[in-house]
Amino acid sequence: MTVVTTAHTADLDAATLKAARVLLDGVFAGEMTDHDWEHALGGIHALVWEGVDLIGHASLIQRRLLHGGRALRTGYVEGVGVRADRRGRGHGAAMMGVLERVIRGAYDMGALGAVDGAADFYAARGWQRWQGPTSMLTPSGIVRTVAEDGGIHVLALTVPLDLSGDLICDWRDGDVW
């Protein structure tokens, strides 16, 4: 039997955080960097438990994205992964459902960076692929992030979005998107 729980980073014990990091290291085949892990902290975590085993993780953090002359309070999804032998059973959908409820209740929009293999999953949930140019707001100004074009997905809510317009993320260490 599986159970989905939610908790803020501050309410998770060290063992749970370690289990989440180990899970994501496995899901992303060792490509999960320390910066990637740091990006997943400081917000709400959705965790899928099978007994005492953690088999799924996703988190939602707050970011500011610039679009259409506005700084939009954005619920940004990070660290989404389900253990390989438990995929295809609705665990990812369960975690996203919890996080999307928070996004709808607390943010101007949702956003995430998705690997190509996950694009259809997010599209089926109502997320739209950003069609316009992406950039980052760095300490020295706005810099294009061409490599990220086409990989960012948004969940539009009450703020009108021009999906072909510019989308600029706030600065952070590591991968900015």
C-alpha atoms as a PDB file:
ATOM      1  CA  MET A   1       0.000   0.000   0.000  1.00  0.00           C
ATOM      2  CA  THR A   2       1.299   3.455  -0.918  1.00  0.00           C
ATOM      3  CA  VAL A   3       0.689   6.730   0.847  1.00  0.00           C
ATOM      4  CA  VAL A   4       1.384  10.279  -0.364  1.00  0.00           C
ATOM      5  CA  THR A   5       2.477  12.719   2.329  1.00  0.00           C
ATOM      6  CA  THR A   6       3.400  16.388   2.159  1.00  0.00           C
ATOM      7  CA  ALA A   7       5.685  18.426   4.348  1.00  0.00           C
ATOM      8  CA  HIS A   8       7.766  21.554   4.222  1.00  0.00           C
ATOM      9  CA  THR A   9      11.521  21.034   4.093  1.00  0.00           C
ATOM     10  CA  ALA A  10      11.767  22.403   7.645  1.00  0.00           C
ATOM     11  CA  ASP A  11       9.491  19.614   8.890  1.00  0.00           C
ATOM     12  CA  LEU A  12      11.400  16.719   7.300  1.00  0.00           C
ATOM     13  CA  ASP A  13      13.959  14.866   9.390  1.00  0.00           C
ATOM     14  CA  ALA A  14      17.486  14.186   8.191  1.00  0.00           C
ATOM     15  CA  ALA A  15      16.715  10.546   7.351  1.00  0.00           C
ATOM     16  CA  THR A  16      13.816  11.502   5.061  1.00  0.00           C
ATOM     17  CA  LEU A  17      15.871  14.167   3.300  1.00  0.00           C
ATOM     18  CA  LYS A  18      18.695  11.681   2.816  1.00  0.00           C
ATOM     19  CA  ALA A  19      16.274   9.072   1.440  1.00  0.00           C
ATOM     20  CA  ALA A  20      14.879  11.649  -0.997  1.00  0.00           C
ATOM     21  CA  ARG A  21      18.352  12.591  -2.205  1.00  0.00           C
ATOM     22  CA  VAL A  22      19.333   8.927  -2.666  1.00  0.00           C
ATOM     23  CA  LEU A  23      16.088   8.285  -4.555  1.00  0.00           C
ATOM     24  CA  LEU A  24      16.672  11.225  -6.904  1.00  0.00           C
ATOM     25  CA  ASP A  25      20.314  10.253  -7.443  1.00  0.00           C
ATOM     26  CA  GLY A  26      19.024   6.889  -8.643  1.00  0.00           C
ATOM     27  CA  VAL A  27      16.209   8.335 -10.756  1.00  0.00           C
ATOM     28  CA  PHE A  28      18.574  10.739 -12.509  1.00  0.00           C
ATOM     29  CA  ALA A  29      21.374   8.160 -12.867  1.00  0.00           C
ATOM     30  CA  GLY A  30      23.923  10.159 -10.909  1.00  0.00           C
ATOM     31  CA  GLU A  31      23.264  13.438 -12.762  1.00  0.00           C
ATOM     32  CA  MET A  32      21.581  15.045  -9.734  1.00  0.00           C
ATOM     33  CA  THR A  33      24.070  17.686  -8.604  1.00  0.00           C
ATOM     34  CA  ASP A  34      24.309  19.296  -5.190  1.00  0.00           C
ATOM     35  CA  HIS A  35      22.864  22.455  -6.749  1.00  0.00           C
ATOM     36  CA  ASP A  36      19.946  20.470  -8.194  1.00  0.00           C
ATOM     37  CA  TRP A  37      19.235  19.059  -4.741  1.00  0.00           C
ATOM     38  CA  GLU A  38      19.506  22.503  -3.149  1.00  0.00           C
ATOM     39  CA  HIS A  39      16.952  23.795  -5.675  1.00  0.00           C
ATOM     40  CA  ALA A  40      14.457  21.184  -4.445  1.00  0.00           C
ATOM     41  CA  LEU A  41      14.669  22.430  -0.838  1.00  0.00           C
ATOM     42  CA  GLY A  42      12.854  25.219   0.968  1.00  0.00           C
ATOM     43  CA  GLY A  43       9.314  24.430  -0.080  1.00  0.00           C
ATOM     44  CA  ILE A  44       6.665  21.741  -0.008  1.00  0.00           C
ATOM     45  CA  HIS A  45       7.652  18.124  -0.683  1.00  0.00           C
ATOM     46  CA  ALA A  46       5.245  15.476  -1.943  1.00  0.00           C
ATOM     47  CA  LEU A  47       6.514  12.049  -0.931  1.00  0.00           C
ATOM     48  CA  VAL A  48       5.242   8.613  -1.945  1.00  0.00           C
ATOM     49  CA  TRP A  49       5.836   5.929   0.641  1.00  0.00           C
ATOM     50  CA  GLU A  50       5.451   2.208   0.198  1.00  0.00           C
ATOM     51  CA  GLY A  51       5.578   1.079   3.797  1.00  0.00           C
ATOM     52  CA  VAL A  52       8.824   2.558   5.110  1.00  0.00           C
ATOM     53  CA  ASP A  53      10.379   2.879   1.637  1.00  0.00           C
ATOM     54  CA  LEU A  54      10.386   6.225  -0.142  1.00  0.00           C
ATOM     55  CA  ILE A  55       9.554   5.531  -3.794  1.00  0.00           C
ATOM     56  CA  GLY A  56       8.591   9.009  -5.082  1.00  0.00           C
ATOM     57  CA  HIS A  57       9.544  12.639  -4.530  1.00  0.00           C
ATOM     58  CA  ALA A  58       8.561  16.024  -5.941  1.00  0.00           C
ATOM     59  CA  SER A  59       8.879  19.493  -4.465  1.00  0.00           C
ATOM     60  CA  LEU A  60       7.462  22.939  -5.025  1.00  0.00           C
ATOM     61  CA  ILE A  61       9.439  26.081  -4.324  1.00  0.00           C
ATOM     62  CA  GLN A  62       8.682  29.751  -4.886  1.00  0.00           C
ATOM     63  CA  ARG A  63      10.459  31.661  -7.632  1.00  0.00           C
ATOM     64  CA  ARG A  64       9.975  34.927  -9.492  1.00  0.00           C
ATOM     65  CA  LEU A  65       9.642  34.701 -13.255  1.00  0.00           C
ATOM     66  CA  LEU A  66       9.474  37.812 -15.409  1.00  0.00           C
ATOM     67  CA  HIS A  67       6.948  37.919 -18.238  1.00  0.00           C
ATOM     68  CA  GLY A  68       5.001  40.659 -19.944  1.00  0.00           C
ATOM     69  CA  GLY A  69       6.520  43.383 -17.784  1.00  0.00           C
ATOM     70  CA  ARG A  70       5.549  41.644 -14.535  1.00  0.00           C
ATOM     71  CA  ALA A  71       7.350  39.689 -11.832  1.00  0.00           C
ATOM     72  CA  LEU A  72       5.128  36.655 -11.333  1.00  0.00           C
ATOM     73  CA  ARG A  73       5.062  34.668  -8.091  1.00  0.00           C
ATOM     74  CA  THR A  74       5.657  31.196  -9.454  1.00  0.00           C
ATOM     75  CA  GLY A  75       5.298  27.757  -7.939  1.00  0.00           C
ATOM     76  CA  TYR A  76       8.294  25.994  -9.469  1.00  0.00           C
ATOM     77  CA  VAL A  77       8.343  22.190  -9.461  1.00  0.00           C
ATOM     78  CA  GLU A  78      11.666  20.483  -8.738  1.00  0.00           C
ATOM     79  CA  GLY A  79      13.044  17.005  -8.139  1.00  0.00           C
ATOM     80  CA  VAL A  80      10.213  14.926  -9.583  1.00  0.00           C
ATOM     81  CA  GLY A  81      11.046  11.259  -9.631  1.00  0.00           C
ATOM     82  CA  VAL A  82       9.646   7.794  -8.983  1.00  0.00           C
ATOM     83  CA  ARG A  83      11.789   4.732  -8.376  1.00  0.00           C
ATOM     84  CA  ALA A  84      12.200   2.859 -11.681  1.00  0.00           C
ATOM     85  CA  ASP A  85      10.503  -0.330 -10.518  1.00  0.00           C
ATOM     86  CA  ARG A  86       7.428   1.602  -9.343  1.00  0.00           C
ATOM     87  CA  ARG A  87       6.793   3.794 -12.401  1.00  0.00           C
ATOM     88  CA  GLY A  88       3.588   3.639 -14.401  1.00  0.00           C
ATOM     89  CA  ARG A  89       1.372   3.195 -11.332  1.00  0.00           C
ATOM     90  CA  GLY A  90       0.119   6.756 -10.906  1.00  0.00           C
ATOM     91  CA  HIS A  91       2.622   7.859  -8.269  1.00  0.00           C
ATOM     92  CA  GLY A  92       3.904  10.792 -10.337  1.00  0.00           C
ATOM     93  CA  ALA A  93       0.330  11.919 -11.007  1.00  0.00           C
ATOM     94  CA  ALA A  94      -0.507  11.694  -7.304  1.00  0.00           C
ATOM     95  CA  MET A  95       2.464  13.875  -6.356  1.00  0.00           C
ATOM     96  CA  MET A  96       1.750  16.394  -9.101  1.00  0.00           C
ATOM     97  CA  GLY A  97      -1.918  16.566  -8.090  1.00  0.00           C
ATOM     98  CA  VAL A  98      -0.930  17.615  -4.579  1.00  0.00           C
ATOM     99  CA  LEU A  99       1.561  20.215  -5.818  1.00  0.00           C
ATOM    100  CA  GLU A 100      -0.800  21.585  -8.487  1.00  0.00           C
ATOM    101  CA  ARG A 101      -3.430  22.188  -5.798  1.00  0.00           C
ATOM    102  CA  VAL A 102      -0.894  24.330  -3.922  1.00  0.00           C
ATOM    103  CA  ILE A 103       0.085  26.160  -7.118  1.00  0.00           C
ATOM    104  CA  ARG A 104      -3.549  26.975  -7.913  1.00  0.00           C
ATOM    105  CA  GLY A 105      -4.143  28.281  -4.408  1.00  0.00           C
ATOM    106  CA  ALA A 106      -0.976  30.278  -3.812  1.00  0.00           C
ATOM    107  CA  TYR A 107       0.764  31.358  -7.032  1.00  0.00           C
ATOM    108  CA  ASP A 108       0.305  33.410 -10.204  1.00  0.00           C
ATOM    109  CA  MET A 109       1.501  30.472 -12.302  1.00  0.00           C
ATOM    110  CA  GLY A 110       3.333  27.173 -12.177  1.00  0.00           C
ATOM    111  CA  ALA A 111       6.534  26.333 -14.038  1.00  0.00           C
ATOM    112  CA  LEU A 112       9.015  23.494 -14.399  1.00  0.00           C
ATOM    113  CA  GLY A 113      11.839  22.292 -16.589  1.00  0.00           C
ATOM    114  CA  ALA A 114      11.072  18.873 -18.072  1.00  0.00           C
ATOM    115  CA  VAL A 115      13.185  16.268 -19.750  1.00  0.00           C
ATOM    116  CA  ASP A 116      11.846  15.279 -23.172  1.00  0.00           C
ATOM    117  CA  GLY A 117      10.546  11.948 -21.903  1.00  0.00           C
ATOM    118  CA  ALA A 118       8.253  13.686 -19.401  1.00  0.00           C
ATOM    119  CA  ALA A 119       6.733  16.310 -21.730  1.00  0.00           C
ATOM    120  CA  ASP A 120       3.675  14.199 -22.596  1.00  0.00           C
ATOM    121  CA  PHE A 121       3.028  13.464 -18.907  1.00  0.00           C
ATOM    122  CA  TYR A 122       2.928  17.184 -18.086  1.00  0.00           C
ATOM    123  CA  ALA A 123       0.920  18.085 -21.199  1.00  0.00           C
ATOM    124  CA  ALA A 124      -1.758  15.569 -20.214  1.00  0.00           C
ATOM    125  CA  ARG A 125      -2.045  17.419 -16.880  1.00  0.00           C
ATOM    126  CA  GLY A 126      -2.621  20.803 -18.555  1.00  0.00           C
ATOM    127  CA  TRP A 127       0.947  22.108 -18.505  1.00  0.00           C
ATOM    128  CA  GLN A 128       1.933  23.967 -21.669  1.00  0.00           C
ATOM    129  CA  ARG A 129       5.346  24.029 -23.310  1.00  0.00           C
ATOM    130  CA  TRP A 130       6.791  27.554 -23.372  1.00  0.00           C
ATOM    131  CA  GLN A 131       7.285  28.472 -27.048  1.00  0.00           C
ATOM    132  CA  GLY A 132       9.147  31.758 -26.674  1.00  0.00           C
ATOM    133  CA  PRO A 133      12.722  32.586 -25.727  1.00  0.00           C
ATOM    134  CA  THR A 134      13.964  31.882 -22.218  1.00  0.00           C
ATOM    135  CA  SER A 135      16.512  33.920 -20.319  1.00  0.00           C
ATOM    136  CA  MET A 136      17.897  34.431 -16.849  1.00  0.00           C
ATOM    137  CA  LEU A 137      18.297  37.581 -14.805  1.00  0.00           C
ATOM    138  CA  THR A 138      21.937  37.499 -13.697  1.00  0.00           C
ATOM    139  CA  PRO A 139      23.899  39.932 -11.530  1.00  0.00           C
ATOM    140  CA  SER A 140      25.200  41.451 -14.791  1.00  0.00           C
ATOM    141  CA  GLY A 141      21.838  41.614 -16.601  1.00  0.00           C
ATOM    142  CA  ILE A 142      19.553  39.447 -18.706  1.00  0.00           C
ATOM    143  CA  VAL A 143      21.266  36.526 -20.457  1.00  0.00           C
ATOM    144  CA  ARG A 144      19.554  34.153 -22.922  1.00  0.00           C
ATOM    145  CA  THR A 145      19.279  30.485 -21.991  1.00  0.00           C
ATOM    146  CA  VAL A 146      18.945  29.082 -25.501  1.00  0.00           C
ATOM    147  CA  ALA A 147      19.608  25.504 -24.371  1.00  0.00           C
ATOM    148  CA  GLU A 148      16.444  25.665 -22.235  1.00  0.00           C
ATOM    149  CA  ASP A 149      14.156  26.860 -25.036  1.00  0.00           C
ATOM    150  CA  GLY A 150      11.386  24.316 -25.525  1.00  0.00           C
ATOM    151  CA  GLY A 151      12.067  22.570 -22.217  1.00  0.00           C
ATOM    152  CA  ILE A 152      10.133  24.853 -19.885  1.00  0.00           C
ATOM    153  CA  HIS A 153       6.485  24.113 -19.134  1.00  0.00           C
ATOM    154  CA  VAL A 154       3.971  26.393 -17.451  1.00  0.00           C
ATOM    155  CA  LEU A 155       0.661  25.969 -15.726  1.00  0.00           C
ATOM    156  CA  ALA A 156      -1.318  29.063 -16.637  1.00  0.00           C
ATOM    157  CA  LEU A 157      -3.732  30.328 -14.018  1.00  0.00           C
ATOM    158  CA  THR A 158      -5.318  33.781 -13.751  1.00  0.00           C
ATOM    159  CA  VAL A 159      -2.453  35.837 -15.209  1.00  0.00           C
ATOM    160  CA  PRO A 160      -2.574  35.951 -19.024  1.00  0.00           C
ATOM    161  CA  LEU A 161       0.540  34.409 -20.553  1.00  0.00           C
ATOM    162  CA  ASP A 162       1.860  34.860 -24.083  1.00  0.00           C
ATOM    163  CA  LEU A 163       3.537  31.489 -24.601  1.00  0.00           C
ATOM    164  CA  SER A 164       5.564  32.921 -27.498  1.00  0.00           C
ATOM    165  CA  GLY A 165       6.867  35.839 -25.437  1.00  0.00           C
ATOM    166  CA  ASP A 166       9.976  36.162 -23.295  1.00  0.00           C
ATOM    167  CA  LEU A 167      10.214  34.256 -20.022  1.00  0.00           C
ATOM    168  CA  ILE A 168      12.991  35.211 -17.632  1.00  0.00           C
ATOM    169  CA  CYS A 169      13.897  33.333 -14.461  1.00  0.00           C
ATOM    170  CA  ASP A 170      15.513  34.637 -11.327  1.00  0.00           C
ATOM    171  CA  TRP A 171      19.191  33.901 -10.700  1.00  0.00           C
ATOM    172  CA  ARG A 172      20.465  30.919  -8.720  1.00  0.00           C
ATOM    173  CA  ASP A 173      23.616  28.805  -8.605  1.00  0.00           C
ATOM    174  CA  GLY A 174      23.808  25.737 -10.856  1.00  0.00           C
ATOM    175  CA  ASP A 175      21.184  25.202 -13.531  1.00  0.00           C
ATOM    176  CA  VAL A 176      18.997  28.284 -13.409  1.00  0.00           C
ATOM    177  CA  TRP A 177      15.968  26.540 -14.919  1.00  0.00           C
END
